Amino acid sequence: MQTTTSSRILDPTLDSKLEIIAKYLSRLGRLYFVDRYVRGREVKALKKAYIELYGITARQFNAIRINVDGMV
């Protein structure tokens, strides 16, 4: 049997906060592309640098990496 679930955001201010986060992570994805594919830097070095410089978690970096690498 298949079920469908849905959710909605109850806090109207949360929508704008999520938009800010999405724009930030999108920007980091573009920076990652340049660092990895234009400048040829290694993923291990980039992961450490991005976590320190941009204040993201390892999980967020991995999501950015997988997304960009998948597009390439």
PDB file of N, CA and C in Angstrom:
ATOM      1  N   MET A   1       0.842  -1.178   0.000  1.00  0.00           N
ATOM      2  CA  MET A   1       0.000   0.000   0.000  1.00  0.00           C
ATOM      3  C   MET A   1       0.888   1.243   0.000  1.00  0.00           C
ATOM      4  N   GLN A   2       0.485   2.241  -0.739  1.00  0.00           N
ATOM      5  CA  GLN A   2       1.232   3.478  -0.839  1.00  0.00           C
ATOM      6  C   GLN A   2       0.471   4.583  -0.116  1.00  0.00           C
ATOM      7  N   THR A   3       1.205   5.386   0.654  1.00  0.00           N
ATOM      8  CA  THR A   3       0.584   6.514   1.337  1.00  0.00           C
ATOM      9  C   THR A   3       1.297   7.800   0.941  1.00  0.00           C
ATOM     10  N   THR A   4       0.579   8.864   1.024  1.00  0.00           N
ATOM     11  CA  THR A   4       1.127  10.173   0.714  1.00  0.00           C
ATOM     12  C   THR A   4       1.011  11.055   1.944  1.00  0.00           C
ATOM     13  N   THR A   5       2.099  11.734   2.249  1.00  0.00           N
ATOM     14  CA  THR A   5       2.069  12.662   3.374  1.00  0.00           C
ATOM     15  C   THR A   5       2.383  14.063   2.861  1.00  0.00           C
ATOM     16  N   SER A   6       1.961  15.031   3.588  1.00  0.00           N
ATOM     17  CA  SER A   6       2.268  16.415   3.239  1.00  0.00           C
ATOM     18  C   SER A   6       2.500  17.194   4.518  1.00  0.00           C
ATOM     19  N   SER A   7       3.133  18.324   4.348  1.00  0.00           N
ATOM     20  CA  SER A   7       3.375  19.185   5.505  1.00  0.00           C
ATOM     21  C   SER A   7       3.253  20.633   5.063  1.00  0.00           C
ATOM     22  N   ARG A   8       3.118  21.487   6.034  1.00  0.00           N
ATOM     23  CA  ARG A   8       3.072  22.910   5.718  1.00  0.00           C
ATOM     24  C   ARG A   8       3.770  23.662   6.838  1.00  0.00           C
ATOM     25  N   ILE A   9       4.289  24.804   6.484  1.00  0.00           N
ATOM     26  CA  ILE A   9       5.004  25.640   7.445  1.00  0.00           C
ATOM     27  C   ILE A   9       3.985  26.527   8.146  1.00  0.00           C
ATOM     28  N   LEU A  10       3.942  26.407   9.458  1.00  0.00           N
ATOM     29  CA  LEU A  10       2.968  27.186  10.221  1.00  0.00           C
ATOM     30  C   LEU A  10       3.473  28.578  10.578  1.00  0.00           C
ATOM     31  N   ASP A  11       4.781  28.717  10.683  1.00  0.00           N
ATOM     32  CA  ASP A  11       5.372  30.003  11.044  1.00  0.00           C
ATOM     33  C   ASP A  11       5.634  30.809   9.771  1.00  0.00           C
ATOM     34  N   PRO A  12       4.940  31.914   9.531  1.00  0.00           N
ATOM     35  CA  PRO A  12       5.119  32.664   8.284  1.00  0.00           C
ATOM     36  C   PRO A  12       6.514  33.281   8.151  1.00  0.00           C
ATOM     37  N   THR A  13       7.212  33.517   9.238  1.00  0.00           N
ATOM     38  CA  THR A  13       8.555  34.094   9.151  1.00  0.00           C
ATOM     39  C   THR A  13       9.584  33.046   8.747  1.00  0.00           C
ATOM     40  N   LEU A  14       9.256  31.788   8.901  1.00  0.00           N
ATOM     41  CA  LEU A  14      10.191  30.718   8.570  1.00  0.00           C
ATOM     42  C   LEU A  14      10.440  30.630   7.070  1.00  0.00           C
ATOM     43  N   ASP A  15       9.460  30.968   6.276  1.00  0.00           N
ATOM     44  CA  ASP A  15       9.595  30.902   4.827  1.00  0.00           C
ATOM     45  C   ASP A  15      10.742  31.790   4.347  1.00  0.00           C
ATOM     46  N   SER A  16      10.828  32.999   4.844  1.00  0.00           N
ATOM     47  CA  SER A  16      11.896  33.905   4.418  1.00  0.00           C
ATOM     48  C   SER A  16      13.257  33.422   4.926  1.00  0.00           C
ATOM     49  N   LYS A  17      13.283  32.824   6.089  1.00  0.00           N
ATOM     50  CA  LYS A  17      14.547  32.295   6.615  1.00  0.00           C
ATOM     51  C   LYS A  17      15.040  31.127   5.773  1.00  0.00           C
ATOM     52  N   LEU A  18      14.131  30.259   5.369  1.00  0.00           N
ATOM     53  CA  LEU A  18      14.511  29.134   4.518  1.00  0.00           C
ATOM     54  C   LEU A  18      14.997  29.609   3.152  1.00  0.00           C
ATOM     55  N   GLU A  19      14.403  30.671   2.659  1.00  0.00           N
ATOM     56  CA  GLU A  19      14.831  31.237   1.383  1.00  0.00           C
ATOM     57  C   GLU A  19      16.263  31.770   1.480  1.00  0.00           C
ATOM     58  N   ILE A  20      16.590  32.414   2.577  1.00  0.00           N
ATOM     59  CA  ILE A  20      17.943  32.931   2.795  1.00  0.00           C
ATOM     60  C   ILE A  20      18.949  31.780   2.826  1.00  0.00           C
ATOM     61  N   ILE A  21      18.611  30.716   3.532  1.00  0.00           N
ATOM     62  CA  ILE A  21      19.501  29.560   3.623  1.00  0.00           C
ATOM     63  C   ILE A  21      19.679  28.916   2.253  1.00  0.00           C
ATOM     64  N   ALA A  22      18.597  28.793   1.499  1.00  0.00           N
ATOM     65  CA  ALA A  22      18.666  28.196   0.165  1.00  0.00           C
ATOM     66  C   ALA A  22      19.558  29.012  -0.761  1.00  0.00           C
ATOM     67  N   LYS A  23      19.446  30.327  -0.722  1.00  0.00           N
ATOM     68  CA  LYS A  23      20.291  31.190  -1.544  1.00  0.00           C
ATOM     69  C   LYS A  23      21.758  31.051  -1.156  1.00  0.00           C
ATOM     70  N   TYR A  24      22.032  30.968   0.151  1.00  0.00           N
ATOM     71  CA  TYR A  24      23.401  30.821   0.652  1.00  0.00           C
ATOM     72  C   TYR A  24      24.016  29.506   0.170  1.00  0.00           C
ATOM     73  N   LEU A  25      23.286  28.413   0.311  1.00  0.00           N
ATOM     74  CA  LEU A  25      23.807  27.116  -0.105  1.00  0.00           C
ATOM     75  C   LEU A  25      23.944  27.033  -1.626  1.00  0.00           C
ATOM     76  N   SER A  26      23.070  27.709  -2.350  1.00  0.00           N
ATOM     77  CA  SER A  26      23.183  27.772  -3.799  1.00  0.00           C
ATOM     78  C   SER A  26      24.455  28.504  -4.212  1.00  0.00           C
ATOM     79  N   ARG A  27      24.734  29.583  -3.528  1.00  0.00           N
ATOM     80  CA  ARG A  27      25.966  30.354  -3.782  1.00  0.00           C
ATOM     81  C   ARG A  27      27.196  29.492  -3.516  1.00  0.00           C
ATOM     82  N   LEU A  28      27.163  28.738  -2.414  1.00  0.00           N
ATOM     83  CA  LEU A  28      28.288  27.867  -2.097  1.00  0.00           C
ATOM     84  C   LEU A  28      28.453  26.778  -3.158  1.00  0.00           C
ATOM     85  N   GLY A  29      27.364  26.333  -3.740  1.00  0.00           N
ATOM     86  CA  GLY A  29      27.445  25.357  -4.818  1.00  0.00           C
ATOM     87  C   GLY A  29      28.188  25.913  -6.024  1.00  0.00           C
ATOM     88  N   ARG A  30      27.928  27.154  -6.350  1.00  0.00           N
ATOM     89  CA  ARG A  30      28.632  27.784  -7.467  1.00  0.00           C
ATOM     90  C   ARG A  30      30.109  27.977  -7.145  1.00  0.00           C
ATOM     91  N   LEU A  31      30.401  28.349  -5.899  1.00  0.00           N
ATOM     92  CA  LEU A  31      31.800  28.486  -5.480  1.00  0.00           C
ATOM     93  C   LEU A  31      32.515  27.137  -5.524  1.00  0.00           C
ATOM     94  N   TYR A  32      31.814  26.095  -5.085  1.00  0.00           N
ATOM     95  CA  TYR A  32      32.391  24.751  -5.121  1.00  0.00           C
ATOM     96  C   TYR A  32      32.718  24.351  -6.562  1.00  0.00           C
ATOM     97  N   PHE A  33      31.826  24.627  -7.484  1.00  0.00           N
ATOM     98  CA  PHE A  33      32.070  24.294  -8.884  1.00  0.00           C
ATOM     99  C   PHE A  33      33.356  24.942  -9.372  1.00  0.00           C
ATOM    100  N   VAL A  34      33.527  26.218  -9.086  1.00  0.00           N
ATOM    101  CA  VAL A  34      34.730  26.931  -9.524  1.00  0.00           C
ATOM    102  C   VAL A  34      35.971  26.332  -8.866  1.00  0.00           C
ATOM    103  N   ASP A  35      35.913  26.127  -7.560  1.00  0.00           N
ATOM    104  CA  ASP A  35      37.073  25.578  -6.856  1.00  0.00           C
ATOM    105  C   ASP A  35      37.436  24.182  -7.338  1.00  0.00           C
ATOM    106  N   ARG A  36      36.435  23.357  -7.567  1.00  0.00           N
ATOM    107  CA  ARG A  36      36.679  21.950  -7.918  1.00  0.00           C
ATOM    108  C   ARG A  36      37.002  21.768  -9.397  1.00  0.00           C
ATOM    109  N   TYR A  37      36.218  22.357 -10.272  1.00  0.00           N
ATOM    110  CA  TYR A  37      36.354  22.066 -11.696  1.00  0.00           C
ATOM    111  C   TYR A  37      37.134  23.103 -12.485  1.00  0.00           C
ATOM    112  N   VAL A  38      37.211  24.322 -12.015  1.00  0.00           N
ATOM    113  CA  VAL A  38      37.998  25.334 -12.714  1.00  0.00           C
ATOM    114  C   VAL A  38      39.406  25.384 -12.136  1.00  0.00           C
ATOM    115  N   ARG A  39      39.490  25.428 -10.811  1.00  0.00           N
ATOM    116  CA  ARG A  39      40.796  25.506 -10.156  1.00  0.00           C
ATOM    117  C   ARG A  39      41.410  24.137  -9.871  1.00  0.00           C
ATOM    118  N   GLY A  40      40.618  23.074  -9.924  1.00  0.00           N
ATOM    119  CA  GLY A  40      41.125  21.725  -9.765  1.00  0.00           C
ATOM    120  C   GLY A  40      41.518  21.330  -8.356  1.00  0.00           C
ATOM    121  N   ARG A  41      40.927  21.967  -7.350  1.00  0.00           N
ATOM    122  CA  ARG A  41      41.265  21.630  -5.966  1.00  0.00           C
ATOM    123  C   ARG A  41      40.641  20.296  -5.567  1.00  0.00           C
ATOM    124  N   GLU A  42      41.284  19.601  -4.646  1.00  0.00           N
ATOM    125  CA  GLU A  42      40.824  18.301  -4.166  1.00  0.00           C
ATOM    126  C   GLU A  42      39.626  18.451  -3.231  1.00  0.00           C
ATOM    127  N   VAL A  43      38.742  17.468  -3.257  1.00  0.00           N
ATOM    128  CA  VAL A  43      37.516  17.496  -2.455  1.00  0.00           C
ATOM    129  C   VAL A  43      37.838  17.549  -0.961  1.00  0.00           C
ATOM    130  N   LYS A  44      38.814  16.766  -0.529  1.00  0.00           N
ATOM    131  CA  LYS A  44      39.158  16.713   0.896  1.00  0.00           C
ATOM    132  C   LYS A  44      39.577  18.090   1.419  1.00  0.00           C
ATOM    133  N   ALA A  45      40.384  18.791   0.646  1.00  0.00           N
ATOM    134  CA  ALA A  45      40.827  20.137   1.044  1.00  0.00           C
ATOM    135  C   ALA A  45      39.662  21.118   1.019  1.00  0.00           C
ATOM    136  N   LEU A  46      38.811  20.979   0.014  1.00  0.00           N
ATOM    137  CA  LEU A  46      37.655  21.869  -0.091  1.00  0.00           C
ATOM    138  C   LEU A  46      36.694  21.666   1.069  1.00  0.00           C
ATOM    139  N   LYS A  47      36.474  20.422   1.446  1.00  0.00           N
ATOM    140  CA  LYS A  47      35.541  20.130   2.530  1.00  0.00           C
ATOM    141  C   LYS A  47      35.986  20.807   3.815  1.00  0.00           C
ATOM    142  N   LYS A  48      37.244  20.662   4.147  1.00  0.00           N
ATOM    143  CA  LYS A  48      37.772  21.283   5.361  1.00  0.00           C
ATOM    144  C   LYS A  48      37.671  22.808   5.288  1.00  0.00           C
ATOM    145  N   ALA A  49      38.033  23.366   4.153  1.00  0.00           N
ATOM    146  CA  ALA A  49      38.009  24.821   3.982  1.00  0.00           C
ATOM    147  C   ALA A  49      36.590  25.377   4.050  1.00  0.00           C
ATOM    148  N   TYR A  50      35.655  24.722   3.393  1.00  0.00           N
ATOM    149  CA  TYR A  50      34.275  25.218   3.361  1.00  0.00           C
ATOM    150  C   TYR A  50      33.627  25.159   4.741  1.00  0.00           C
ATOM    151  N   ILE A  51      33.906  24.101   5.465  1.00  0.00           N
ATOM    152  CA  ILE A  51      33.350  23.977   6.815  1.00  0.00           C
ATOM    153  C   ILE A  51      33.864  25.107   7.695  1.00  0.00           C
ATOM    154  N   GLU A  52      35.145  25.400   7.586  1.00  0.00           N
ATOM    155  CA  GLU A  52      35.743  26.464   8.402  1.00  0.00           C
ATOM    156  C   GLU A  52      35.341  27.858   7.922  1.00  0.00           C
ATOM    157  N   LEU A  53      35.454  28.097   6.617  1.00  0.00           N
ATOM    158  CA  LEU A  53      35.211  29.441   6.078  1.00  0.00           C
ATOM    159  C   LEU A  53      33.742  29.852   6.079  1.00  0.00           C
ATOM    160  N   TYR A  54      32.881  28.925   5.710  1.00  0.00           N
ATOM    161  CA  TYR A  54      31.488  29.280   5.485  1.00  0.00           C
ATOM    162  C   TYR A  54      30.539  28.815   6.588  1.00  0.00           C
ATOM    163  N   GLY A  55      31.076  28.128   7.597  1.00  0.00           N
ATOM    164  CA  GLY A  55      30.261  27.751   8.749  1.00  0.00           C
ATOM    165  C   GLY A  55      29.161  26.750   8.437  1.00  0.00           C
ATOM    166  N   ILE A  56      29.438  25.826   7.525  1.00  0.00           N
ATOM    167  CA  ILE A  56      28.450  24.800   7.206  1.00  0.00           C
ATOM    168  C   ILE A  56      28.879  23.480   7.839  1.00  0.00           C
ATOM    169  N   THR A  57      27.956  22.545   7.887  1.00  0.00           N
ATOM    170  CA  THR A  57      28.274  21.233   8.431  1.00  0.00           C
ATOM    171  C   THR A  57      28.833  20.335   7.323  1.00  0.00           C
ATOM    172  N   ALA A  58      29.436  19.233   7.730  1.00  0.00           N
ATOM    173  CA  ALA A  58      29.957  18.272   6.754  1.00  0.00           C
ATOM    174  C   ALA A  58      28.824  17.713   5.904  1.00  0.00           C
ATOM    175  N   ARG A  59      27.687  17.520   6.507  1.00  0.00           N
ATOM    176  CA  ARG A  59      26.525  17.002   5.775  1.00  0.00           C
ATOM    177  C   ARG A  59      26.075  18.006   4.703  1.00  0.00           C
ATOM    178  N   GLN A  60      26.091  19.291   5.032  1.00  0.00           N
ATOM    179  CA  GLN A  60      25.712  20.313   4.055  1.00  0.00           C
ATOM    180  C   GLN A  60      26.724  20.350   2.917  1.00  0.00           C
ATOM    181  N   PHE A  61      28.010  20.252   3.262  1.00  0.00           N
ATOM    182  CA  PHE A  61      29.032  20.233   2.211  1.00  0.00           C
ATOM    183  C   PHE A  61      28.834  19.040   1.287  1.00  0.00           C
ATOM    184  N   ASN A  62      28.586  17.865   1.872  1.00  0.00           N
ATOM    185  CA  ASN A  62      28.385  16.671   1.056  1.00  0.00           C
ATOM    186  C   ASN A  62      27.183  16.817   0.133  1.00  0.00           C
ATOM    187  N   ALA A  63      26.132  17.453   0.608  1.00  0.00           N
ATOM    188  CA  ALA A  63      24.951  17.677  -0.235  1.00  0.00           C
ATOM    189  C   ALA A  63      25.304  18.595  -1.399  1.00  0.00           C
ATOM    190  N   ILE A  64      26.059  19.646  -1.129  1.00  0.00           N
ATOM    191  CA  ILE A  64      26.496  20.558  -2.186  1.00  0.00           C
ATOM    192  C   ILE A  64      27.363  19.804  -3.191  1.00  0.00           C
ATOM    193  N   ARG A  65      28.324  19.039  -2.687  1.00  0.00           N
ATOM    194  CA  ARG A  65      29.245  18.291  -3.548  1.00  0.00           C
ATOM    195  C   ARG A  65      28.497  17.301  -4.439  1.00  0.00           C
ATOM    196  N   ILE A  66      27.610  16.531  -3.857  1.00  0.00           N
ATOM    197  CA  ILE A  66      26.872  15.527  -4.623  1.00  0.00           C
ATOM    198  C   ILE A  66      26.001  16.191  -5.683  1.00  0.00           C
ATOM    199  N   ASN A  67      25.375  17.305  -5.322  1.00  0.00           N
ATOM    200  CA  ASN A  67      24.517  18.021  -6.264  1.00  0.00           C
ATOM    201  C   ASN A  67      25.317  18.556  -7.453  1.00  0.00           C
ATOM    202  N   VAL A  68      26.421  19.223  -7.167  1.00  0.00           N
ATOM    203  CA  VAL A  68      27.234  19.810  -8.235  1.00  0.00           C
ATOM    204  C   VAL A  68      27.891  18.714  -9.069  1.00  0.00           C
ATOM    205  N   ASP A  69      28.466  17.710  -8.400  1.00  0.00           N
ATOM    206  CA  ASP A  69      29.117  16.618  -9.144  1.00  0.00           C
ATOM    207  C   ASP A  69      28.106  15.903 -10.037  1.00  0.00           C
ATOM    208  N   GLY A  70      26.889  15.763  -9.572  1.00  0.00           N
ATOM    209  CA  GLY A  70      25.843  15.134 -10.375  1.00  0.00           C
ATOM    210  C   GLY A  70      25.494  15.951 -11.608  1.00  0.00           C
ATOM    211  N   MET A  71      25.517  17.251 -11.490  1.00  0.00           N
ATOM    212  CA  MET A  71      25.224  18.112 -12.646  1.00  0.00           C
ATOM    213  C   MET A  71      26.358  18.068 -13.672  1.00  0.00           C
ATOM    214  N   VAL A  72      27.582  17.934 -13.168  1.00  0.00           N
ATOM    215  CA  VAL A  72      28.733  17.884 -14.074  1.00  0.00           C
ATOM    216  C   VAL A  72      28.750  16.548 -14.786  1.00  0.00           C
TER     217      VAL A  72
END
